[in-house]
């Protein structure tokens, strides 16, 4: 099983997730959204797996700083376009390569899926 952790290196939640994985000796790659970006096809696949509402981080400052017209009438297509344009809008971290897609860092959920 080859895991890939997607996120932003300076995000506190991503840091906690990386420490958790390292502490359990779980090998993983890291995909930095800021440097490598993310494509719409990948996000669409994730949205099919967990729902676009789970992926879109509406609690962060990036969402709050968007103009009102960008935040209004959000559907899957608009959400994916926004996340491609501004990867900070993706809830972090996302982990692929396991039995299922993990979004956000919840230690109990990760233990069940990866432990």
Protein backbone atom coordinates (compact mmCIF):
# COMPACT_ATOMS: atom_id res chain seq x y z
CA UNK A 1 0.00 0.00 0.00
CA UNK A 2 1.53 3.31 -1.10
CA UNK A 3 -0.07 6.24 0.62
CA UNK A 4 0.03 9.82 -0.60
CA UNK A 5 -0.73 12.63 1.81
CA UNK A 6 -1.99 15.77 0.07
CA UNK A 7 -1.75 19.12 1.79
CA UNK A 8 0.26 22.21 2.58
CA UNK A 9 3.49 21.71 4.56
CA UNK A 10 2.94 24.55 7.05
CA UNK A 11 -0.64 23.50 7.91
CA UNK A 12 -0.81 22.40 11.56
CA UNK A 13 -3.26 19.59 10.79
CA UNK A 14 -1.02 18.27 8.02
CA UNK A 15 1.95 18.38 10.41
CA UNK A 16 0.00 16.34 12.99
CA UNK A 17 -1.01 13.82 10.34
CA UNK A 18 2.58 13.42 9.15
CA UNK A 19 3.80 12.89 12.72
CA UNK A 20 1.03 10.32 13.23
CA UNK A 21 2.02 8.40 10.08
CA UNK A 22 5.75 8.59 10.89
CA UNK A 23 5.13 7.47 14.46
CA UNK A 24 3.47 4.30 13.18
CA UNK A 25 6.10 3.66 10.54
CA UNK A 26 3.59 4.13 7.72
CA UNK A 27 5.45 5.09 4.57
CA UNK A 28 3.87 7.82 2.52
CA UNK A 29 4.58 10.35 -0.16
CA UNK A 30 3.68 14.01 0.16
CA UNK A 31 1.94 16.13 -2.47
CA UNK A 32 2.27 19.86 -1.80
CA UNK A 33 -0.72 21.70 -3.29
CA UNK A 34 1.15 24.99 -3.24
CA UNK A 35 4.02 23.69 -5.37
CA UNK A 36 2.43 20.93 -7.45
CA UNK A 37 -1.19 22.12 -7.63
CA UNK A 38 -4.11 19.75 -8.10
CA UNK A 39 -6.18 18.98 -11.17
CA UNK A 40 -9.93 18.93 -11.63
CA UNK A 41 -9.97 15.24 -12.58
CA UNK A 42 -8.38 14.24 -9.27
CA UNK A 43 -10.79 16.44 -7.31
CA UNK A 44 -13.75 15.02 -9.25
CA UNK A 45 -12.69 11.49 -8.33
CA UNK A 46 -12.38 12.47 -4.69
CA UNK A 47 -15.78 14.17 -4.83
CA UNK A 48 -17.32 10.94 -6.16
CA UNK A 49 -15.73 9.05 -3.25
CA UNK A 50 -16.60 11.36 -0.35
CA UNK A 51 -18.76 14.20 -1.71
CA UNK A 52 -17.58 17.65 -2.72
CA UNK A 53 -19.07 19.13 0.45
CA UNK A 54 -16.57 17.10 2.51
CA UNK A 55 -13.64 18.32 0.41
CA UNK A 56 -14.50 22.02 0.42
CA UNK A 57 -13.12 23.75 3.50
CA UNK A 58 -15.67 26.45 4.32
CA UNK A 59 -14.20 27.05 7.79
CA UNK A 60 -10.87 28.53 6.69
CA UNK A 61 -9.75 32.06 6.02
CA UNK A 62 -9.39 31.39 2.28
CA UNK A 63 -13.14 30.71 2.05
CA UNK A 64 -14.02 33.76 4.15
CA UNK A 65 -11.84 36.00 1.97
CA UNK A 66 -13.61 34.97 -1.24
CA UNK A 67 -15.96 37.54 -2.71
CA UNK A 68 -19.64 36.92 -1.96
CA UNK A 69 -20.38 36.00 -5.58
CA UNK A 70 -17.76 33.21 -5.45
CA UNK A 71 -19.34 31.74 -2.31
CA UNK A 72 -22.93 31.92 -3.57
CA UNK A 73 -24.59 29.06 -5.43
CA UNK A 74 -21.75 26.61 -4.94
CA UNK A 75 -22.33 23.24 -6.56
CA UNK A 76 -19.86 20.46 -7.34
CA UNK A 77 -18.54 22.03 -10.55
CA UNK A 78 -18.05 25.44 -8.97
CA UNK A 79 -16.48 23.93 -5.84
CA UNK A 80 -13.98 21.94 -7.92
CA UNK A 81 -13.09 25.00 -10.00
CA UNK A 82 -12.53 27.02 -6.82
CA UNK A 83 -10.35 24.27 -5.27
CA UNK A 84 -8.22 23.99 -8.44
CA UNK A 85 -7.74 27.76 -8.44
CA UNK A 86 -7.09 27.97 -4.69
CA UNK A 87 -5.96 24.64 -3.22
CA UNK A 88 -6.14 26.11 0.28
CA UNK A 89 -9.90 25.57 -0.06
CA UNK A 90 -9.40 21.79 0.08
CA UNK A 91 -9.90 20.32 3.54
CA UNK A 92 -6.57 18.98 4.75
CA UNK A 93 -5.06 16.53 4.68
CA UNK A 94 -6.32 14.11 2.06
CA UNK A 95 -4.81 10.63 2.03
CA UNK A 96 -5.05 8.29 -0.94
CA UNK A 97 -3.79 4.76 -1.45
CA UNK A 98 -5.45 3.09 1.51
CA UNK A 99 -8.67 1.12 1.64
CA UNK A 100 -10.59 4.38 1.35
CA UNK A 101 -10.02 8.09 0.86
CA UNK A 102 -9.36 9.95 4.12
CA UNK A 103 -10.20 13.65 4.39
CA UNK A 104 -9.16 15.62 7.45
CA UNK A 105 -7.17 14.24 10.34
CA UNK A 106 -9.20 12.21 12.81
CA UNK A 107 -6.84 9.82 14.68
CA UNK A 108 -9.53 7.22 15.49
CA UNK A 109 -10.71 7.12 11.88
CA UNK A 110 -7.12 6.88 10.64
CA UNK A 111 -6.33 4.09 13.11
CA UNK A 112 -9.31 2.09 11.84
CA UNK A 113 -8.37 2.67 8.19
CA UNK A 114 -4.58 2.49 8.38
CA UNK A 115 -3.61 1.04 11.76
